[in-house]
Each structure stands twice: as structure tokens, then as C-alpha cells.
Amino acid sequence: MKAYNNLVEATNDLMKRGYTANLSLEGDTVDDKEKDIHMAADDFEIDEFHRFEGASNPSDMSIVYAVTSRKYNLKGILVNAYGTYANNSTSAIEAKLHHHQVSHNLKSEDRPTV
């Protein structure tokens, strides 16, 4: 997986690689508001993710996901906070973003133990 220096660099490269949909986390769905698409946890896959901390503020943390949906024929980018400002939702979407698929990309010492 490619390493990026910051969030802008990551999103620009992902867009060049075809991840063009601007996705948002809306409760129990990941949405492409432009196309009025609302994806449940089973409707998409996480291809890769990258975490970043703000240069001047360690609590300014975000994670960018490269997301693919075969069902809706789209590739997009979802940016979400983690750490202090993370969404504490217990939805299936949050579980998928933070544990289910992401954990197989983490180093063994970073994998969640559930």
C-alpha cells in the first residue's frame, strides 16, 4: 500500500486512480449524495485506507477510505475522523470501517481483538 504525507495527497492520488465519488457517512449508510445512493455495509468493499494526524494538533486525526461498490458500479473516497472526534456509532457501517475489513490490512499488533 502506498504511503502518503497528508490527506490531500492521498485523496488526489485516489481520484487519479478512479475513486471519484465523494462519499459521506450518514448514520447506517455510506452515501453518494450526488447520485442519491445509500449503501449498507454489504454494498461496498474497502480497498485501502490511510490514517493522518494534523501537523499542529495530534487530536486532529482523520482516515481516508478507498471504497468500491460493485452493486452501484462506483469507486469513491470516504473521509472520516478517528480518535477524539470519531463517530461512536455502533452501526454495521462503523463496524465494517473500523474492524471487519480494515483489520486484515493492519499489522498484527494493531489488529482489534474481539
Protein backbone atom coordinates (compact mmCIF):
# COMPACT_ATOMS: atom_id res chain seq x y z
CA MET A 1 0.00 0.00 0.00
CA LYS A 2 1.32 3.45 -0.91
CA ALA A 3 2.25 5.83 1.91
CA TYR A 4 1.06 9.44 1.70
CA ASN A 5 2.32 12.50 3.58
CA ASN A 6 -1.10 14.07 4.08
CA LEU A 7 -4.83 13.78 3.43
CA VAL A 8 -4.78 16.00 0.32
CA GLU A 9 -2.03 13.94 -1.31
CA ALA A 10 -3.95 10.73 -0.61
CA THR A 11 -7.29 11.98 -1.94
CA ASN A 12 -5.68 13.49 -5.06
CA ASP A 13 -3.94 10.21 -5.88
CA LEU A 14 -7.05 8.13 -5.22
CA MET A 15 -9.05 10.41 -7.52
CA LYS A 16 -6.44 9.93 -10.25
CA ARG A 17 -6.88 6.17 -9.77
CA GLY A 18 -10.63 6.37 -10.37
CA TYR A 19 -12.05 6.88 -6.88
CA THR A 20 -14.17 9.84 -7.94
CA ALA A 21 -17.38 9.59 -5.90
CA ASN A 22 -17.47 11.89 -2.87
CA LEU A 23 -18.86 9.63 -0.13
CA SER A 24 -20.15 10.52 3.32
CA LEU A 25 -21.06 8.54 6.40
CA GLU A 26 -24.74 9.13 7.18
CA GLY A 27 -25.87 7.03 10.15
CA ASP A 28 -26.26 3.47 8.93
CA THR A 29 -25.27 4.15 5.31
CA VAL A 30 -22.37 5.39 3.22
CA ASP A 31 -23.87 7.86 0.77
CA ASP A 32 -23.07 9.33 -2.61
CA LYS A 33 -25.36 12.35 -2.36
CA GLU A 34 -24.71 13.44 -5.94
CA LYS A 35 -26.17 10.17 -7.28
CA ASP A 36 -28.64 9.66 -4.39
CA ILE A 37 -27.04 6.31 -3.47
CA HIS A 38 -27.25 4.96 0.08
CA MET A 39 -25.05 1.92 0.68
CA ALA A 40 -25.46 -0.53 3.52
CA ALA A 41 -22.44 -2.39 4.91
CA ASP A 42 -22.86 -5.26 2.44
CA ASP A 43 -22.99 -2.92 -0.58
CA PHE A 44 -19.33 -1.87 -0.63
CA GLU A 45 -15.76 -3.02 -0.08
CA ILE A 46 -12.85 -1.13 1.45
CA ASP A 47 -9.93 -1.36 -0.97
CA GLU A 48 -7.46 0.58 1.16
CA PHE A 49 -7.28 3.17 3.92
CA HIS A 50 -4.80 5.78 5.18
CA ARG A 51 -4.63 7.49 8.57
CA PHE A 52 -3.36 11.02 9.20
CA GLU A 53 -2.68 13.29 12.17
CA GLY A 54 -2.77 17.05 11.95
CA ALA A 55 0.73 18.58 11.91
CA SER A 56 -0.03 21.08 14.66
CA ASN A 57 -2.69 19.18 16.58
CA PRO A 58 -2.39 15.44 17.31
CA SER A 59 -6.11 15.28 18.14
CA ASP A 60 -6.87 16.36 14.54
CA MET A 61 -6.94 12.81 13.17
CA SER A 62 -8.65 11.51 10.04
CA ILE A 63 -8.80 8.39 7.95
CA VAL A 64 -9.45 8.19 4.22
CA TYR A 65 -11.03 5.07 2.73
CA ALA A 66 -10.92 3.97 -0.91
CA VAL A 67 -14.32 2.34 -1.41
CA THR A 68 -15.68 0.21 -4.26
CA SER A 69 -19.27 -0.86 -4.82
CA ARG A 70 -19.98 -3.44 -7.49
CA LYS A 71 -23.68 -3.15 -6.75
CA TYR A 72 -23.72 0.55 -7.64
CA ASN A 73 -20.76 0.48 -10.04
CA LEU A 74 -18.83 3.19 -8.23
CA LYS A 75 -15.46 3.93 -6.71
CA GLY A 76 -15.24 6.68 -4.16
CA ILE A 77 -13.49 8.31 -1.25
CA LEU A 78 -14.81 8.46 2.30
CA VAL A 79 -13.04 10.69 4.82
CA ASN A 80 -13.86 10.18 8.47
CA ALA A 81 -12.43 11.21 11.83
CA TYR A 82 -10.88 8.76 14.25
CA GLY A 83 -9.60 9.11 17.77
CA THR A 84 -11.02 12.01 19.80
CA TYR A 85 -13.53 13.16 17.19
CA ALA A 86 -14.55 9.74 15.87
CA ASN A 87 -18.17 8.83 15.42
CA ASN A 88 -19.01 6.47 18.29
CA SER A 89 -21.85 4.82 16.36
CA THR A 90 -22.39 1.09 16.83
CA SER A 91 -23.82 0.58 13.35
CA ALA A 92 -22.75 -2.15 10.95
CA ILE A 93 -21.12 0.55 8.82
CA GLU A 94 -18.87 1.65 11.68
CA ALA A 95 -18.02 -1.97 12.47
CA LYS A 96 -17.02 -2.56 8.87
CA LEU A 97 -14.97 0.63 8.62
CA HIS A 98 -13.11 0.12 11.85
CA HIS A 99 -12.82 -3.63 12.28
CA HIS A 100 -14.19 -6.12 9.78
CA GLN A 101 -12.31 -5.31 6.57
CA VAL A 102 -9.78 -2.85 7.88
CA SER A 103 -8.27 -5.27 10.39
CA HIS A 104 -6.79 -7.58 7.73
CA ASN A 105 -4.70 -4.63 6.49
CA LEU A 106 -3.30 -3.80 9.92
CA LYS A 107 -0.07 -5.10 11.35
CA SER A 108 -0.70 -7.96 13.75
CA GLU A 109 -0.08 -5.85 16.84
CA ASP A 110 -2.65 -3.27 15.67
CA ARG A 111 -5.50 -5.68 14.88
CA PRO A 112 -8.57 -5.39 17.10
CA THR A 113 -9.13 -8.29 19.44
CA VAL A 114 -12.81 -9.16 19.57
